């Protein structure tokens, strides 16, 4: 994975150049254990101070997502548009009563069951079902429904960003914690002021490792990971924004096909299907009726 390669490259660039310019890794390695416990341990403990157990678990899970990448792929966006198309067509041609059978129990719906990735992600499934349910209750004002969906999406995004903010706080704390470790090292050196210069030099060098480690962890490792996780969360939000665009377009009396085109235009470019590709997917989806029987 490119993130692992990037981390390896950071170590090679920094410590390789340090060694090539005459630096001795022995000084760093000698002090690394204690300094890492002070800085890394105290930094990690700040997570427990500022969060509950569930919050800490979410932070650790978020770190894993930095290497896995975004949840949604091109095929998932296509599935979302096909699912939306079938639901809108059902409502348009067969009425609200027929649509309710699908949105009330999506796990038993032959439409939802065709798209397990969408159905299996509860926040997105609930956004679709809850919004379509309001439509069956005759709430057809596109602005009001759009605001309702936007509020739900913003709330979900804010919840997803809490672990990112918590990890960013740790990244911001590392340089200061490095200074704490360095000050402790200097205090230790001053307590041994009567030692020979070689010994004092080693102790001061070890203290400076603390400053180095705090800055290194913040700006070379944790900070970039925070940025990566944030970009993933923003990218994952897009599928909900696409859902909002499709449903509000339907409430503006556009045909299901045109609503899908509006949604297609909202998909990030690198995952956006072509117009012809989407048309073929809709034709394939349309060959199966909402009750699961062949439409042809």
Protein backbone atom coordinates (compact mmCIF):
# COMPACT_ATOMS: atom_id res chain seq x y z
CA UNK A 1 0.00 0.00 0.00
CA UNK A 2 1.18 3.48 -0.84
CA UNK A 3 0.77 4.70 2.76
CA UNK A 4 3.15 2.01 4.05
CA UNK A 5 5.61 2.89 1.29
CA UNK A 6 5.33 6.54 2.30
CA UNK A 7 6.07 5.77 5.96
CA UNK A 8 9.06 3.64 4.96
CA UNK A 9 10.25 6.47 2.73
CA UNK A 10 10.09 8.94 5.61
CA UNK A 11 12.32 6.72 7.75
CA UNK A 12 14.78 6.16 4.91
CA UNK A 13 14.95 9.85 4.00
CA UNK A 14 15.47 11.10 7.56
CA UNK A 15 17.64 8.43 9.11
CA UNK A 16 19.46 7.59 5.88
CA UNK A 17 20.52 11.21 5.41
CA UNK A 18 21.43 11.43 9.10
CA UNK A 19 23.70 8.40 8.79
CA UNK A 20 25.23 9.52 5.48
CA UNK A 21 26.17 12.89 6.98
CA UNK A 22 28.09 11.24 9.82
CA UNK A 23 25.38 10.81 12.42
CA UNK A 24 25.50 7.85 14.77
CA UNK A 25 22.29 5.87 15.21
CA UNK A 26 23.59 4.47 18.47
CA UNK A 27 22.86 7.75 20.28
CA UNK A 28 19.26 7.76 19.08
CA UNK A 29 18.68 4.06 19.68
CA UNK A 30 20.11 4.28 23.19
CA UNK A 31 17.62 6.97 24.18
CA UNK A 32 14.72 5.85 21.99
CA UNK A 33 13.06 3.44 24.40
CA UNK A 34 12.65 5.81 27.33
CA UNK A 35 11.78 8.83 25.19
CA UNK A 36 9.20 6.83 23.25
CA UNK A 37 7.52 5.73 26.47
CA UNK A 38 7.35 9.32 27.74
CA UNK A 39 6.11 10.88 24.51
CA UNK A 40 4.16 8.06 22.89
CA UNK A 41 2.73 6.77 26.14
CA UNK A 42 1.61 10.15 27.45
CA UNK A 43 0.28 11.11 24.01
CA UNK A 44 -1.81 7.96 23.82
CA UNK A 45 -3.06 8.46 27.37
CA UNK A 46 -4.42 11.87 26.41
CA UNK A 47 -6.94 9.96 24.29
CA UNK A 48 -8.31 8.34 27.44
CA UNK A 49 -8.44 11.71 29.19
CA UNK A 50 -10.39 13.38 26.39
CA UNK A 51 -12.56 10.44 25.22
CA UNK A 52 -14.53 7.51 26.53
CA UNK A 53 -13.75 3.89 25.70
CA UNK A 54 -15.92 3.90 22.58
CA UNK A 55 -14.22 7.06 21.37
CA UNK A 56 -10.75 5.52 21.75
CA UNK A 57 -11.90 2.43 19.84
CA UNK A 58 -13.15 4.64 17.01
CA UNK A 59 -9.79 6.42 16.87
CA UNK A 60 -7.95 3.11 16.52
CA UNK A 61 -10.42 1.96 13.87
CA UNK A 62 -9.91 5.22 12.01
CA UNK A 63 -6.16 4.59 11.89
CA UNK A 64 -6.87 1.28 10.18
CA UNK A 65 -9.05 3.00 7.59
CA UNK A 66 -6.09 5.17 6.56
CA UNK A 67 -4.50 2.05 5.08
CA UNK A 68 -7.71 0.44 3.77
CA UNK A 69 -8.91 3.52 1.92
CA UNK A 70 -12.47 4.75 1.33
CA UNK A 71 -15.38 2.33 1.74
CA UNK A 72 -17.09 3.21 -1.53
CA UNK A 73 -15.95 2.19 -5.00
CA UNK A 74 -17.30 2.90 -8.45
CA UNK A 75 -19.57 -0.14 -8.38
CA UNK A 76 -21.17 1.03 -5.14
CA UNK A 77 -22.15 4.36 -6.69
CA UNK A 78 -23.67 2.49 -9.64
CA UNK A 79 -25.59 0.27 -7.21
CA UNK A 80 -26.87 3.33 -5.34
CA UNK A 81 -28.18 4.92 -8.53
CA UNK A 82 -29.81 1.68 -9.67
CA UNK A 83 -31.43 1.19 -6.26
CA UNK A 84 -32.71 4.77 -6.26
CA UNK A 85 -34.02 4.35 -9.79
CA UNK A 86 -35.99 1.23 -8.88
CA UNK A 87 -37.47 2.81 -5.76
CA UNK A 88 -38.51 5.95 -7.62
CA UNK A 89 -39.95 3.94 -10.47
CA UNK A 90 -41.91 1.82 -8.02
CA UNK A 91 -43.34 4.93 -6.38
CA UNK A 92 -44.11 6.54 -9.71
CA UNK A 93 -45.78 3.54 -11.36
CA UNK A 94 -47.17 1.49 -8.47
CA UNK A 95 -47.83 4.07 -5.78
CA UNK A 96 -46.84 4.79 -2.18
CA UNK A 97 -48.32 1.57 -0.78
CA UNK A 98 -46.05 -0.56 -2.94
CA UNK A 99 -43.00 1.52 -2.06
CA UNK A 100 -43.71 1.19 1.65
CA UNK A 101 -43.31 -2.59 1.44
CA UNK A 102 -39.68 -2.05 0.44
CA UNK A 103 -38.69 0.78 2.77
CA UNK A 104 -40.37 -0.58 5.89
CA UNK A 105 -38.42 -3.86 5.78
CA UNK A 106 -35.45 -3.33 3.45
CA UNK A 107 -33.85 -6.60 4.59
CA UNK A 108 -36.81 -8.43 3.06
CA UNK A 109 -37.10 -6.25 -0.04
CA UNK A 110 -36.20 -7.84 -3.40
CA UNK A 111 -34.98 -4.41 -4.52
CA UNK A 112 -32.66 -3.75 -1.57
CA UNK A 113 -31.43 -7.36 -1.52
CA UNK A 114 -29.93 -6.86 -4.98
CA UNK A 115 -27.52 -4.26 -3.57
CA UNK A 116 -26.02 -5.71 -0.36
CA UNK A 117 -23.23 -3.13 -0.02
CA UNK A 118 -25.76 -0.29 0.14
CA UNK A 119 -28.25 -2.22 2.27
CA UNK A 120 -25.55 -3.36 4.67
CA UNK A 121 -24.41 0.16 5.54
CA UNK A 122 -27.05 1.29 8.01
CA UNK A 123 -26.54 5.09 7.87
CA UNK A 124 -27.01 5.15 4.10
CA UNK A 125 -29.86 2.64 4.13
CA UNK A 126 -31.66 4.61 6.84
CA UNK A 127 -31.15 7.87 4.95
CA UNK A 128 -32.82 6.38 1.88
CA UNK A 129 -35.64 4.64 3.74
CA UNK A 130 -36.43 7.49 6.13
CA UNK A 131 -36.51 10.04 3.33
CA UNK A 132 -38.62 7.90 1.01
CA UNK A 133 -40.96 7.26 3.93
CA UNK A 134 -41.59 11.00 4.29
CA UNK A 135 -42.41 11.09 0.59
CA UNK A 136 -45.06 8.40 1.06
CA UNK A 137 -46.48 10.64 3.81
CA UNK A 138 -46.89 13.35 1.20
CA UNK A 139 -43.90 15.46 2.21
CA UNK A 140 -42.92 16.45 -1.31
CA UNK A 141 -41.33 19.85 -0.82
CA UNK A 142 -37.83 19.42 -2.34
CA UNK A 143 -36.34 22.26 -0.27
CA UNK A 144 -37.68 20.96 3.03
CA UNK A 145 -36.69 17.38 2.27
CA UNK A 146 -33.28 18.55 1.06
CA UNK A 147 -32.70 20.49 4.27
CA UNK A 148 -33.77 17.48 6.32
CA UNK A 149 -31.35 15.22 4.45
CA UNK A 150 -28.54 17.77 4.68
CA UNK A 151 -29.03 17.99 8.45
CA UNK A 152 -28.85 14.19 8.76
CA UNK A 153 -25.74 14.02 6.58
CA UNK A 154 -24.02 16.83 8.52
CA UNK A 155 -24.77 15.13 11.83
CA UNK A 156 -23.35 11.84 10.59
CA UNK A 157 -20.26 13.55 9.17
CA UNK A 158 -19.65 15.39 12.44
CA UNK A 159 -19.79 12.08 14.31
CA UNK A 160 -17.37 10.51 11.85
CA UNK A 161 -14.96 13.43 12.29
CA UNK A 162 -14.74 13.14 16.09
CA UNK A 163 -12.02 10.44 15.99
CA UNK A 164 -10.12 12.51 13.43
CA UNK A 165 -10.19 15.56 15.71
CA UNK A 166 -9.13 13.44 18.68
CA UNK A 167 -6.15 12.05 16.76
CA UNK A 168 -5.26 15.50 15.50
CA UNK A 169 -5.16 16.71 19.11
CA UNK A 170 -2.60 14.00 19.87
CA UNK A 171 -0.53 15.03 16.85
CA UNK A 172 -0.57 18.64 18.04
CA UNK A 173 0.49 17.53 21.53
CA UNK A 174 3.53 15.49 20.44
CA UNK A 175 5.95 18.44 19.93
CA UNK A 176 5.11 19.80 23.40
CA UNK A 177 5.48 16.36 24.91
CA UNK A 178 8.84 16.11 23.18
CA UNK A 179 9.89 19.27 24.95
CA UNK A 180 8.73 17.75 28.26
CA UNK A 181 10.90 14.71 27.58
CA UNK A 182 13.83 16.93 26.63
CA UNK A 183 13.48 19.02 29.82
CA UNK A 184 13.44 15.86 31.91
CA UNK A 185 16.61 14.76 30.13
CA UNK A 186 18.29 18.09 30.84
CA UNK A 187 17.27 17.83 34.50
CA UNK A 188 18.86 14.39 34.57
CA UNK A 189 22.03 15.78 32.96
CA UNK A 190 22.21 18.66 35.43
CA UNK A 191 21.98 16.17 38.25
CA UNK A 192 25.11 14.55 36.90
CA UNK A 193 27.03 17.81 36.29
CA UNK A 194 30.16 16.40 37.90
CA UNK A 195 30.42 13.63 35.31
CA UNK A 196 33.04 13.85 32.53
CA UNK A 197 32.14 15.84 29.37
CA UNK A 198 31.69 12.65 27.33
CA UNK A 199 29.05 11.38 29.74
CA UNK A 200 27.27 14.75 29.93
CA UNK A 201 27.33 15.03 26.15
CA UNK A 202 25.64 11.66 25.84
CA UNK A 203 22.98 12.62 28.37
CA UNK A 204 22.24 15.95 26.64
CA UNK A 205 22.14 14.15 23.29
CA UNK A 206 19.60 11.73 24.72
CA UNK A 207 17.52 14.66 25.98
CA UNK A 208 17.48 16.21 22.50
CA UNK A 209 16.19 12.92 21.10
CA UNK A 210 12.97 13.70 22.98
CA UNK A 211 12.51 16.96 21.08
CA UNK A 212 13.29 15.22 17.81
CA UNK A 213 10.90 12.35 18.50
CA UNK A 214 8.00 14.65 19.41
CA UNK A 215 8.35 16.64 16.20
CA UNK A 216 8.93 13.50 14.13
CA UNK A 217 5.82 11.73 15.42
CA UNK A 218 3.67 14.82 14.93
CA UNK A 219 4.70 16.01 11.47
CA UNK A 220 6.07 12.89 9.80
CA UNK A 221 3.65 10.20 11.01
CA UNK A 222 0.50 11.09 12.95
CA UNK A 223 -0.20 14.42 11.22
CA UNK A 224 -0.17 12.92 7.69
CA UNK A 225 -2.33 10.02 8.90
CA UNK A 226 -4.87 12.51 10.25
CA UNK A 227 -4.95 14.24 6.88
CA UNK A 228 -5.45 10.93 5.11
CA UNK A 229 -8.31 9.89 7.40
CA UNK A 230 -9.99 13.27 6.99
CA UNK A 231 -9.87 13.00 3.19
CA UNK A 232 -11.34 9.48 3.41
CA UNK A 233 -14.22 10.69 5.57
CA UNK A 234 -14.93 13.54 3.17
CA UNK A 235 -14.87 11.15 0.22
CA UNK A 236 -17.18 8.69 1.96
CA UNK A 237 -19.65 11.48 2.63
CA UNK A 238 -20.06 11.98 -1.11
CA UNK A 239 -22.29 8.94 -1.52
CA UNK A 240 -24.82 10.50 0.86
CA UNK A 241 -24.63 13.79 -1.01
CA UNK A 242 -25.36 11.87 -4.22
CA UNK A 243 -28.37 10.28 -2.54
CA UNK A 244 -29.65 13.70 -1.53
CA UNK A 245 -29.25 15.04 -5.07
CA UNK A 246 -31.16 12.12 -6.56
CA UNK A 247 -34.11 12.22 -4.18
CA UNK A 248 -34.55 15.99 -4.20
CA UNK A 249 -34.46 15.90 -8.02
CA UNK A 250 -37.28 13.38 -7.95
CA UNK A 251 -39.31 15.76 -5.78
CA UNK A 252 -38.77 18.43 -8.42
CA UNK A 253 -40.79 16.21 -10.76
CA UNK A 254 -37.89 14.95 -12.83
CA UNK A 255 -38.19 11.45 -14.25
CA UNK A 256 -36.25 8.66 -12.48
CA UNK A 257 -33.83 8.52 -15.43
CA UNK A 258 -33.07 12.24 -15.17
CA UNK A 259 -32.70 11.97 -11.39
CA UNK A 260 -30.08 9.28 -11.90
CA UNK A 261 -28.24 11.57 -14.33
CA UNK A 262 -28.25 14.33 -11.72
CA UNK A 263 -26.77 11.88 -9.22
CA UNK A 264 -24.20 10.62 -11.73
CA UNK A 265 -22.92 14.15 -12.19
CA UNK A 266 -22.39 14.41 -8.40
CA UNK A 267 -20.13 11.34 -8.25
CA UNK A 268 -16.38 12.07 -7.88
CA UNK A 269 -14.70 12.04 -11.29
CA UNK A 270 -12.42 9.08 -10.63
CA UNK A 271 -15.42 6.87 -9.84
CA UNK A 272 -18.01 8.40 -12.14
CA UNK A 273 -19.52 5.95 -14.64
CA UNK A 274 -20.05 7.14 -18.18
CA UNK A 275 -23.51 8.06 -19.42
CA UNK A 276 -23.69 4.97 -21.64
CA UNK A 277 -22.45 2.70 -18.86
CA UNK A 278 -25.09 4.02 -16.49
CA UNK A 279 -27.82 3.66 -19.10
CA UNK A 280 -26.90 0.01 -19.57
CA UNK A 281 -26.95 -0.59 -15.83
CA UNK A 282 -30.42 0.97 -15.59
CA UNK A 283 -31.69 -1.16 -18.45
CA UNK A 284 -30.39 -4.27 -16.71
CA UNK A 285 -31.95 -3.19 -13.41
CA UNK A 286 -35.25 -2.38 -15.11
CA UNK A 287 -35.61 -5.90 -16.45
CA UNK A 288 -36.51 -7.07 -12.96
CA UNK A 289 -39.76 -5.89 -11.41
CA UNK A 290 -39.92 -4.61 -7.86
CA UNK A 291 -41.48 -7.89 -6.76
CA UNK A 292 -38.51 -9.80 -8.09
CA UNK A 293 -40.20 -11.24 -11.21
CA UNK A 294 -38.79 -10.79 -14.67
CA UNK A 295 -40.02 -7.60 -16.32
CA UNK A 296 -39.71 -8.94 -19.81
